[in-house]
Amino acid sequence: MRLKSIGARMLWLLALASLSSGCISVSAAQYASASAGSIGCPSSEIRISGQPSRLGIGSPQPEWRAECRGRKFICGGAGKTIACSPELQPEEPARPDSAPAVPASRANP
């Protein structure tokens, strides 16, 4: 739990350090460090994608994707908390031949 807070604090400190421009640059390595505690993987093994390269001061942290050891996560944050959850697999469309069978008691008389 403490690691999540450390990663979030790191992002906030970066934001505070760049108050003069209103935006900060955040690298994939910084997103990996912020995600490590929530995912349970060392930041050196985390691959980040979908992250914005700049964050606005005071704006919510956008979502990004993290992958470690073949597992994919969606991460995001609000305030000082960062959370990552396993990415859901897309649902397969229902096949017409997989419709539930009509019980014999309900078949046409």
Protein backbone atom coordinates (compact mmCIF):
# COMPACT_ATOMS: atom_id res chain seq x y z
CA MET A 1 0.00 0.00 0.00
CA ARG A 2 2.86 2.36 0.84
CA LEU A 3 4.43 1.90 -2.61
CA LYS A 4 1.29 3.22 -4.32
CA SER A 5 1.53 6.39 -2.28
CA ILE A 6 5.24 6.84 -3.04
CA GLY A 7 4.62 6.59 -6.80
CA ALA A 8 1.78 9.08 -6.61
CA ARG A 9 3.89 11.46 -4.55
CA MET A 10 6.64 11.25 -7.15
CA LEU A 11 4.21 12.36 -9.88
CA TRP A 12 2.93 15.17 -7.66
CA LEU A 13 6.44 16.38 -6.85
CA LEU A 14 7.21 16.51 -10.56
CA ALA A 15 4.06 18.53 -11.07
CA LEU A 16 4.95 20.99 -8.32
CA ALA A 17 8.47 21.41 -9.67
CA SER A 18 7.10 22.71 -12.96
CA LEU A 19 4.51 25.21 -11.74
CA SER A 20 5.95 27.99 -13.89
CA SER A 21 4.96 26.33 -17.18
CA GLY A 22 1.61 24.89 -16.07
CA CYS A 23 2.56 21.50 -17.56
CA ILE A 24 5.17 18.90 -16.79
CA SER A 25 6.86 16.25 -18.87
CA VAL A 26 6.57 12.72 -17.52
CA SER A 27 8.62 9.84 -18.90
CA ALA A 28 7.59 6.21 -19.33
CA ALA A 29 10.12 5.32 -16.62
CA GLN A 30 8.31 7.62 -14.18
CA TYR A 31 4.96 6.01 -15.02
CA ALA A 32 6.59 2.58 -14.52
CA SER A 33 7.89 3.63 -11.09
CA ALA A 34 4.47 4.98 -10.13
CA SER A 35 2.77 1.73 -11.28
CA ALA A 36 5.20 -0.75 -9.70
CA GLY A 37 3.60 -0.92 -6.25
CA SER A 38 0.10 -1.45 -7.55
CA ILE A 39 1.13 -4.09 -10.10
CA GLY A 40 3.61 -5.92 -7.91
CA CYS A 41 6.39 -5.89 -10.52
CA PRO A 42 9.72 -4.08 -10.39
CA SER A 43 9.63 -0.89 -12.45
CA SER A 44 12.50 -2.20 -14.57
CA GLU A 45 10.20 -4.97 -15.89
CA ILE A 46 7.20 -2.75 -16.64
CA ARG A 47 6.49 -1.56 -20.17
CA ILE A 48 4.27 1.55 -20.34
CA SER A 49 2.04 2.61 -23.23
CA GLY A 50 -0.79 5.05 -23.85
CA GLN A 51 0.52 7.64 -21.43
CA PRO A 52 0.47 11.35 -22.22
CA SER A 53 3.89 12.93 -22.33
CA ARG A 54 2.69 16.04 -20.47
CA LEU A 55 0.41 16.55 -17.50
CA GLY A 56 -1.44 19.73 -16.65
CA ILE A 57 -1.07 21.08 -13.15
CA GLY A 58 -4.13 20.33 -11.05
CA SER A 59 -5.71 18.08 -13.67
CA PRO A 60 -6.62 14.46 -12.94
CA GLN A 61 -3.98 11.92 -13.86
CA PRO A 62 -5.01 10.27 -17.13
CA GLU A 63 -5.06 6.52 -17.58
CA TRP A 64 -2.16 4.58 -19.04
CA ARG A 65 -1.40 0.94 -19.72
CA ALA A 66 1.31 -1.13 -18.07
CA GLU A 67 2.53 -4.60 -18.97
CA CYS A 68 4.73 -6.90 -16.91
CA ARG A 69 5.55 -10.56 -17.40
CA GLY A 70 2.84 -10.93 -20.03
CA ARG A 71 0.10 -9.46 -17.85
CA LYS A 72 -1.60 -6.22 -18.89
CA PHE A 73 -2.96 -3.55 -16.57
CA ILE A 74 -4.86 -0.27 -16.85
CA CYS A 75 -3.57 2.33 -14.41
CA GLY A 76 -4.76 5.73 -13.36
CA GLY A 77 -4.74 8.08 -10.47
CA ALA A 78 -6.61 10.71 -8.56
CA GLY A 79 -5.14 12.86 -5.87
CA LYS A 80 -2.21 11.06 -4.28
CA THR A 81 -3.37 7.55 -5.17
CA ILE A 82 -2.40 5.45 -8.17
CA ALA A 83 -4.19 2.19 -8.88
CA CYS A 84 -3.75 -0.47 -11.53
CA SER A 85 -6.21 -3.24 -12.38
CA PRO A 86 -5.85 -6.20 -14.72
CA GLU A 87 -7.02 -5.34 -18.22
CA LEU A 88 -10.15 -7.25 -19.21
CA GLN A 89 -10.07 -9.34 -22.36
CA PRO A 90 -12.56 -8.27 -25.04
CA GLU A 91 -15.79 -10.22 -25.02
CA GLU A 92 -16.29 -12.60 -27.88
CA PRO A 93 -19.46 -11.87 -29.87
CA ALA A 94 -22.23 -14.39 -29.31
CA ARG A 95 -22.43 -16.96 -32.07
CA PRO A 96 -25.89 -17.68 -33.50
CA ASP A 97 -25.42 -21.43 -33.00
CA SER A 98 -24.71 -20.90 -29.29
CA ALA A 99 -28.22 -19.73 -28.41
CA PRO A 100 -29.65 -21.61 -25.44
CA ALA A 101 -31.78 -24.61 -26.36
CA VAL A 102 -35.53 -24.34 -25.73
CA PRO A 103 -36.59 -26.95 -23.15
CA ALA A 104 -38.89 -29.70 -24.49
CA SER A 105 -41.65 -28.56 -22.10
CA ARG A 106 -41.74 -25.21 -23.90
CA ALA A 107 -41.50 -26.52 -27.44
CA ASN A 108 -44.41 -25.90 -29.81
CA PRO A 109 -47.36 -28.21 -28.98
